């Protein structure tokens, strides 16, 4: 599983999109700071860019870094 995680990280760092399992469904993921990768996720999901998308971070510090009040 460690190798799979490393590969997923590599793919995302190169602008790619991954699928990852959650407790009930599969998620579609990418580097949220990469505009092209985010655009690809919207295309895959056939989702209007006017709709928000969930962003996961590993700590409250990251939220503070990316979100401005």
PDB file of N, CA and C in Angstrom:
ATOM      1  N   UNK A   1       0.822  -1.192   0.000  1.00  0.00           N
ATOM      2  CA  UNK A   1       0.000   0.000   0.000  1.00  0.00           C
ATOM      3  C   UNK A   1       0.867   1.257   0.000  1.00  0.00           C
ATOM      4  N   UNK A   2       2.015   1.222   0.637  1.00  0.00           N
ATOM      5  CA  UNK A   2       2.911   2.371   0.677  1.00  0.00           C
ATOM      6  C   UNK A   2       3.326   2.773  -0.734  1.00  0.00           C
ATOM      7  N   UNK A   3       3.626   1.792  -1.571  1.00  0.00           N
ATOM      8  CA  UNK A   3       4.017   2.089  -2.954  1.00  0.00           C
ATOM      9  C   UNK A   3       2.866   2.723  -3.731  1.00  0.00           C
ATOM     10  N   UNK A   4       1.648   2.282  -3.466  1.00  0.00           N
ATOM     11  CA  UNK A   4       0.479   2.869  -4.124  1.00  0.00           C
ATOM     12  C   UNK A   4       0.315   4.341  -3.731  1.00  0.00           C
ATOM     13  N   UNK A   5       0.534   4.628  -2.467  1.00  0.00           N
ATOM     14  CA  UNK A   5       0.425   6.008  -1.982  1.00  0.00           C
ATOM     15  C   UNK A   5       1.511   6.874  -2.608  1.00  0.00           C
ATOM     16  N   UNK A   6       2.720   6.352  -2.676  1.00  0.00           N
ATOM     17  CA  UNK A   6       3.813   7.093  -3.315  1.00  0.00           C
ATOM     18  C   UNK A   6       3.491   7.376  -4.778  1.00  0.00           C
ATOM     19  N   UNK A   7       2.950   6.383  -5.480  1.00  0.00           N
ATOM     20  CA  UNK A   7       2.602   6.550  -6.890  1.00  0.00           C
ATOM     21  C   UNK A   7       1.494   7.592  -7.049  1.00  0.00           C
ATOM     22  N   UNK A   8       0.499   7.553  -6.186  1.00  0.00           N
ATOM     23  CA  UNK A   8      -0.584   8.545  -6.238  1.00  0.00           C
ATOM     24  C   UNK A   8      -0.039   9.953  -6.016  1.00  0.00           C
ATOM     25  N   UNK A   9       0.862  10.101  -5.070  1.00  0.00           N
ATOM     26  CA  UNK A   9       1.480  11.406  -4.812  1.00  0.00           C
ATOM     27  C   UNK A   9       2.277  11.883  -6.019  1.00  0.00           C
ATOM     28  N   UNK A  10       2.993  10.976  -6.648  1.00  0.00           N
ATOM     29  CA  UNK A  10       3.768  11.318  -7.847  1.00  0.00           C
ATOM     30  C   UNK A  10       2.836  11.784  -8.962  1.00  0.00           C
ATOM     31  N   UNK A  11       1.768  11.051  -9.181  1.00  0.00           N
ATOM     32  CA  UNK A  11       0.813  11.402 -10.233  1.00  0.00           C
ATOM     33  C   UNK A  11       0.234  12.788  -9.977  1.00  0.00           C
ATOM     34  N   UNK A  12      -0.166  13.057  -8.742  1.00  0.00           N
ATOM     35  CA  UNK A  12      -0.744  14.365  -8.429  1.00  0.00           C
ATOM     36  C   UNK A  12       0.286  15.478  -8.548  1.00  0.00           C
ATOM     37  N   UNK A  13       1.521  15.216  -8.158  1.00  0.00           N
ATOM     38  CA  UNK A  13       2.554  16.254  -8.260  1.00  0.00           C
ATOM     39  C   UNK A  13       2.870  16.593  -9.711  1.00  0.00           C
ATOM     40  N   UNK A  14       2.537  15.672 -10.630  1.00  0.00           N
ATOM     41  CA  UNK A  14       2.741  15.892 -12.056  1.00  0.00           C
ATOM     42  C   UNK A  14       1.479  16.418 -12.737  1.00  0.00           C
ATOM     43  N   UNK A  15       0.466  16.787 -11.941  1.00  0.00           N
ATOM     44  CA  UNK A  15      -0.762  17.344 -12.499  1.00  0.00           C
ATOM     45  C   UNK A  15      -1.820  16.331 -12.849  1.00  0.00           C
ATOM     46  N   UNK A  16      -1.612  15.084 -12.445  1.00  0.00           N
ATOM     47  CA  UNK A  16      -2.561  14.029 -12.765  1.00  0.00           C
ATOM     48  C   UNK A  16      -3.721  13.952 -11.793  1.00  0.00           C
ATOM     49  N   UNK A  17      -4.658  13.101 -12.131  1.00  0.00           N
ATOM     50  CA  UNK A  17      -5.867  12.871 -11.345  1.00  0.00           C
ATOM     51  C   UNK A  17      -5.852  11.421 -10.869  1.00  0.00           C
ATOM     52  N   UNK A  18      -6.283  11.194  -9.642  1.00  0.00           N
ATOM     53  CA  UNK A  18      -6.314   9.848  -9.073  1.00  0.00           C
ATOM     54  C   UNK A  18      -7.724   9.492  -8.601  1.00  0.00           C
ATOM     55  N   UNK A  19      -7.951   8.211  -8.430  1.00  0.00           N
ATOM     56  CA  UNK A  19      -9.135   7.702  -7.738  1.00  0.00           C
ATOM     57  C   UNK A  19      -8.665   7.153  -6.408  1.00  0.00           C
ATOM     58  N   UNK A  20      -9.440   7.405  -5.358  1.00  0.00           N
ATOM     59  CA  UNK A  20      -9.076   6.873  -4.045  1.00  0.00           C
ATOM     60  C   UNK A  20     -10.327   6.386  -3.323  1.00  0.00           C
ATOM     61  N   UNK A  21     -10.191   5.288  -2.585  1.00  0.00           N
ATOM     62  CA  UNK A  21     -11.356   4.745  -1.887  1.00  0.00           C
ATOM     63  C   UNK A  21     -11.684   5.542  -0.635  1.00  0.00           C
ATOM     64  N   UNK A  22     -12.976   5.700  -0.382  1.00  0.00           N
ATOM     65  CA  UNK A  22     -13.428   6.257   0.891  1.00  0.00           C
ATOM     66  C   UNK A  22     -14.227   5.155   1.584  1.00  0.00           C
ATOM     67  N   UNK A  23     -14.870   5.476   2.682  1.00  0.00           N
ATOM     68  CA  UNK A  23     -15.610   4.437   3.399  1.00  0.00           C
ATOM     69  C   UNK A  23     -16.861   3.974   2.647  1.00  0.00           C
ATOM     70  N   UNK A  24     -17.378   4.782   1.712  1.00  0.00           N
ATOM     71  CA  UNK A  24     -18.603   4.387   1.008  1.00  0.00           C
ATOM     72  C   UNK A  24     -18.494   4.425  -0.511  1.00  0.00           C
ATOM     73  N   UNK A  25     -17.648   5.282  -1.064  1.00  0.00           N
ATOM     74  CA  UNK A  25     -17.542   5.434  -2.516  1.00  0.00           C
ATOM     75  C   UNK A  25     -16.085   5.656  -2.905  1.00  0.00           C
ATOM     76  N   UNK A  26     -15.846   5.898  -4.174  1.00  0.00           N
ATOM     77  CA  UNK A  26     -14.524   6.284  -4.650  1.00  0.00           C
ATOM     78  C   UNK A  26     -14.502   7.793  -4.840  1.00  0.00           C
ATOM     79  N   UNK A  27     -13.385   8.413  -4.470  1.00  0.00           N
ATOM     80  CA  UNK A  27     -13.205   9.840  -4.665  1.00  0.00           C
ATOM     81  C   UNK A  27     -12.296  10.104  -5.851  1.00  0.00           C
ATOM     82  N   UNK A  28     -12.436  11.281  -6.434  1.00  0.00           N
ATOM     83  CA  UNK A  28     -11.558  11.728  -7.508  1.00  0.00           C
ATOM     84  C   UNK A  28     -10.694  12.829  -6.915  1.00  0.00           C
ATOM     85  N   UNK A  29      -9.379  12.681  -7.019  1.00  0.00           N
ATOM     86  CA  UNK A  29      -8.492  13.635  -6.375  1.00  0.00           C
ATOM     87  C   UNK A  29      -7.431  14.189  -7.293  1.00  0.00           C
ATOM     88  N   UNK A  30      -6.924  15.354  -6.904  1.00  0.00           N
ATOM     89  CA  UNK A  30      -5.822  15.994  -7.623  1.00  0.00           C
ATOM     90  C   UNK A  30      -5.180  17.010  -6.684  1.00  0.00           C
ATOM     91  N   UNK A  31      -4.126  17.638  -7.153  1.00  0.00           N
ATOM     92  CA  UNK A  31      -3.491  18.728  -6.412  1.00  0.00           C
ATOM     93  C   UNK A  31      -4.377  19.950  -6.573  1.00  0.00           C
ATOM     94  N   UNK A  32      -5.024  20.371  -5.502  1.00  0.00           N
ATOM     95  CA  UNK A  32      -5.977  21.485  -5.563  1.00  0.00           C
ATOM     96  C   UNK A  32      -5.306  22.815  -5.896  1.00  0.00           C
ATOM     97  N   UNK A  33      -3.988  22.874  -5.837  1.00  0.00           N
ATOM     98  CA  UNK A  33      -3.286  24.119  -6.199  1.00  0.00           C
ATOM     99  C   UNK A  33      -2.916  24.148  -7.681  1.00  0.00           C
ATOM    100  N   UNK A  34      -3.239  23.086  -8.404  1.00  0.00           N
ATOM    101  CA  UNK A  34      -2.936  22.994  -9.825  1.00  0.00           C
ATOM    102  C   UNK A  34      -4.230  23.233 -10.615  1.00  0.00           C
ATOM    103  N   UNK A  35      -4.337  24.420 -11.223  1.00  0.00           N
ATOM    104  CA  UNK A  35      -5.582  24.802 -11.904  1.00  0.00           C
ATOM    105  C   UNK A  35      -5.979  23.826 -13.006  1.00  0.00           C
ATOM    106  N   UNK A  36      -5.011  23.349 -13.777  1.00  0.00           N
ATOM    107  CA  UNK A  36      -5.307  22.418 -14.870  1.00  0.00           C
ATOM    108  C   UNK A  36      -5.848  21.101 -14.315  1.00  0.00           C
ATOM    109  N   UNK A  37      -5.268  20.608 -13.230  1.00  0.00           N
ATOM    110  CA  UNK A  37      -5.731  19.357 -12.625  1.00  0.00           C
ATOM    111  C   UNK A  37      -7.150  19.524 -12.080  1.00  0.00           C
ATOM    112  N   UNK A  38      -7.414  20.642 -11.450  1.00  0.00           N
ATOM    113  CA  UNK A  38      -8.762  20.908 -10.927  1.00  0.00           C
ATOM    114  C   UNK A  38      -9.760  20.980 -12.081  1.00  0.00           C
ATOM    115  N   UNK A  39      -9.378  21.632 -13.182  1.00  0.00           N
ATOM    116  CA  UNK A  39     -10.243  21.714 -14.351  1.00  0.00           C
ATOM    117  C   UNK A  39     -10.566  20.313 -14.871  1.00  0.00           C
ATOM    118  N   UNK A  40      -9.570  19.429 -14.873  1.00  0.00           N
ATOM    119  CA  UNK A  40      -9.784  18.049 -15.325  1.00  0.00           C
ATOM    120  C   UNK A  40     -10.775  17.311 -14.426  1.00  0.00           C
ATOM    121  N   UNK A  41     -10.696  17.539 -13.122  1.00  0.00           N
ATOM    122  CA  UNK A  41     -11.652  16.891 -12.209  1.00  0.00           C
ATOM    123  C   UNK A  41     -13.065  17.378 -12.513  1.00  0.00           C
ATOM    124  N   UNK A  42     -13.218  18.691 -12.710  1.00  0.00           N
ATOM    125  CA  UNK A  42     -14.542  19.217 -13.070  1.00  0.00           C
ATOM    126  C   UNK A  42     -15.045  18.571 -14.369  1.00  0.00           C
ATOM    127  N   UNK A  43     -14.175  18.413 -15.351  1.00  0.00           N
ATOM    128  CA  UNK A  43     -14.570  17.782 -16.613  1.00  0.00           C
ATOM    129  C   UNK A  43     -14.971  16.323 -16.401  1.00  0.00           C
ATOM    130  N   UNK A  44     -14.170  15.586 -15.651  1.00  0.00           N
ATOM    131  CA  UNK A  44     -14.468  14.175 -15.387  1.00  0.00           C
ATOM    132  C   UNK A  44     -15.824  14.038 -14.709  1.00  0.00           C
ATOM    133  N   UNK A  45     -16.084  14.911 -13.740  1.00  0.00           N
ATOM    134  CA  UNK A  45     -17.338  14.841 -12.994  1.00  0.00           C
ATOM    135  C   UNK A  45     -18.501  15.480 -13.747  1.00  0.00           C
ATOM    136  N   UNK A  46     -18.193  16.129 -14.883  1.00  0.00           N
ATOM    137  CA  UNK A  46     -19.199  16.869 -15.638  1.00  0.00           C
ATOM    138  C   UNK A  46     -19.934  17.830 -14.716  1.00  0.00           C
ATOM    139  N   UNK A  47     -19.134  18.570 -13.973  1.00  0.00           N
ATOM    140  CA  UNK A  47     -19.651  19.476 -12.948  1.00  0.00           C
ATOM    141  C   UNK A  47     -19.421  20.915 -13.370  1.00  0.00           C
ATOM    142  N   UNK A  48     -20.414  21.749 -13.179  1.00  0.00           N
ATOM    143  CA  UNK A  48     -20.294  23.165 -13.493  1.00  0.00           C
ATOM    144  C   UNK A  48     -19.242  23.801 -12.589  1.00  0.00           C
ATOM    145  N   UNK A  49     -18.402  24.659 -13.164  1.00  0.00           N
ATOM    146  CA  UNK A  49     -17.369  25.290 -12.333  1.00  0.00           C
ATOM    147  C   UNK A  49     -17.947  26.324 -11.373  1.00  0.00           C
ATOM    148  N   UNK A  50     -19.256  26.555 -11.441  1.00  0.00           N
ATOM    149  CA  UNK A  50     -19.889  27.445 -10.466  1.00  0.00           C
ATOM    150  C   UNK A  50     -20.209  26.702  -9.162  1.00  0.00           C
ATOM    151  N   UNK A  51     -20.079  25.374  -9.186  1.00  0.00           N
ATOM    152  CA  UNK A  51     -20.310  24.573  -7.980  1.00  0.00           C
ATOM    153  C   UNK A  51     -18.995  24.356  -7.250  1.00  0.00           C
ATOM    154  N   UNK A  52     -19.049  24.444  -5.947  1.00  0.00           N
ATOM    155  CA  UNK A  52     -17.857  24.241  -5.120  1.00  0.00           C
ATOM    156  C   UNK A  52     -17.453  22.769  -5.113  1.00  0.00           C
ATOM    157  N   UNK A  53     -16.195  22.548  -4.757  1.00  0.00           N
ATOM    158  CA  UNK A  53     -15.685  21.193  -4.638  1.00  0.00           C
ATOM    159  C   UNK A  53     -14.957  21.074  -3.297  1.00  0.00           C
ATOM    160  N   UNK A  54     -14.999  19.917  -2.718  1.00  0.00           N
ATOM    161  CA  UNK A  54     -14.351  19.634  -1.448  1.00  0.00           C
ATOM    162  C   UNK A  54     -12.832  19.615  -1.605  1.00  0.00           C
ATOM    163  N   UNK A  55     -12.131  20.235  -0.662  1.00  0.00           N
ATOM    164  CA  UNK A  55     -10.667  20.188  -0.640  1.00  0.00           C
ATOM    165  C   UNK A  55     -10.245  19.628   0.714  1.00  0.00           C
ATOM    166  N   UNK A  56      -9.409  18.590   0.686  1.00  0.00           N
ATOM    167  CA  UNK A  56      -8.922  17.973   1.916  1.00  0.00           C
ATOM    168  C   UNK A  56      -7.504  18.441   2.202  1.00  0.00           C
ATOM    169  N   UNK A  57      -7.225  18.768   3.453  1.00  0.00           N
ATOM    170  CA  UNK A  57      -5.881  19.155   3.875  1.00  0.00           C
ATOM    171  C   UNK A  57      -5.503  18.344   5.108  1.00  0.00           C
ATOM    172  N   UNK A  58      -4.205  18.292   5.394  1.00  0.00           N
ATOM    173  CA  UNK A  58      -3.751  17.435   6.493  1.00  0.00           C
ATOM    174  C   UNK A  58      -3.613  18.134   7.836  1.00  0.00           C
ATOM    175  N   UNK A  59      -3.870  19.446   7.877  1.00  0.00           N
ATOM    176  CA  UNK A  59      -3.754  20.140   9.159  1.00  0.00           C
ATOM    177  C   UNK A  59      -4.456  21.498   9.099  1.00  0.00           C
ATOM    178  N   UNK A  60      -4.838  22.028  10.260  1.00  0.00           N
ATOM    179  CA  UNK A  60      -5.434  23.368  10.297  1.00  0.00           C
ATOM    180  C   UNK A  60      -4.488  24.455   9.755  1.00  0.00           C
ATOM    181  N   UNK A  61      -3.201  24.235   9.880  1.00  0.00           N
ATOM    182  CA  UNK A  61      -2.223  25.203   9.372  1.00  0.00           C
ATOM    183  C   UNK A  61      -2.382  25.355   7.859  1.00  0.00           C
ATOM    184  N   UNK A  62      -2.611  24.254   7.160  1.00  0.00           N
ATOM    185  CA  UNK A  62      -2.807  24.310   5.705  1.00  0.00           C
ATOM    186  C   UNK A  62      -4.061  25.105   5.356  1.00  0.00           C
ATOM    187  N   UNK A  63      -5.119  24.946   6.142  1.00  0.00           N
ATOM    188  CA  UNK A  63      -6.337  25.721   5.891  1.00  0.00           C
ATOM    189  C   UNK A  63      -6.022  27.208   6.003  1.00  0.00           C
ATOM    190  N   UNK A  64      -5.322  27.586   7.057  1.00  0.00           N
ATOM    191  CA  UNK A  64      -4.956  28.988   7.245  1.00  0.00           C
ATOM    192  C   UNK A  64      -4.080  29.501   6.097  1.00  0.00           C
ATOM    193  N   UNK A  65      -3.232  28.628   5.545  1.00  0.00           N
ATOM    194  CA  UNK A  65      -2.352  29.013   4.463  1.00  0.00           C
ATOM    195  C   UNK A  65      -3.124  29.292   3.174  1.00  0.00           C
ATOM    196  N   UNK A  66      -4.130  28.462   2.886  1.00  0.00           N
ATOM    197  CA  UNK A  66      -4.839  28.559   1.618  1.00  0.00           C
ATOM    198  C   UNK A  66      -6.090  29.434   1.657  1.00  0.00           C
ATOM    199  N   UNK A  67      -6.650  29.681   2.836  1.00  0.00           N
ATOM    200  CA  UNK A  67      -7.897  30.424   2.936  1.00  0.00           C
ATOM    201  C   UNK A  67      -7.640  31.781   3.576  1.00  0.00           C
ATOM    202  N   UNK A  68      -8.157  32.801   2.925  1.00  0.00           N
ATOM    203  CA  UNK A  68      -8.021  34.152   3.462  1.00  0.00           C
ATOM    204  C   UNK A  68      -9.366  34.584   4.045  1.00  0.00           C
ATOM    205  N   UNK A  69      -9.315  35.290   5.167  1.00  0.00           N
ATOM    206  CA  UNK A  69     -10.557  35.801   5.787  1.00  0.00           C
ATOM    207  C   UNK A  69     -11.067  37.008   5.048  1.00  0.00           C
TER     208      UNK A  69
END
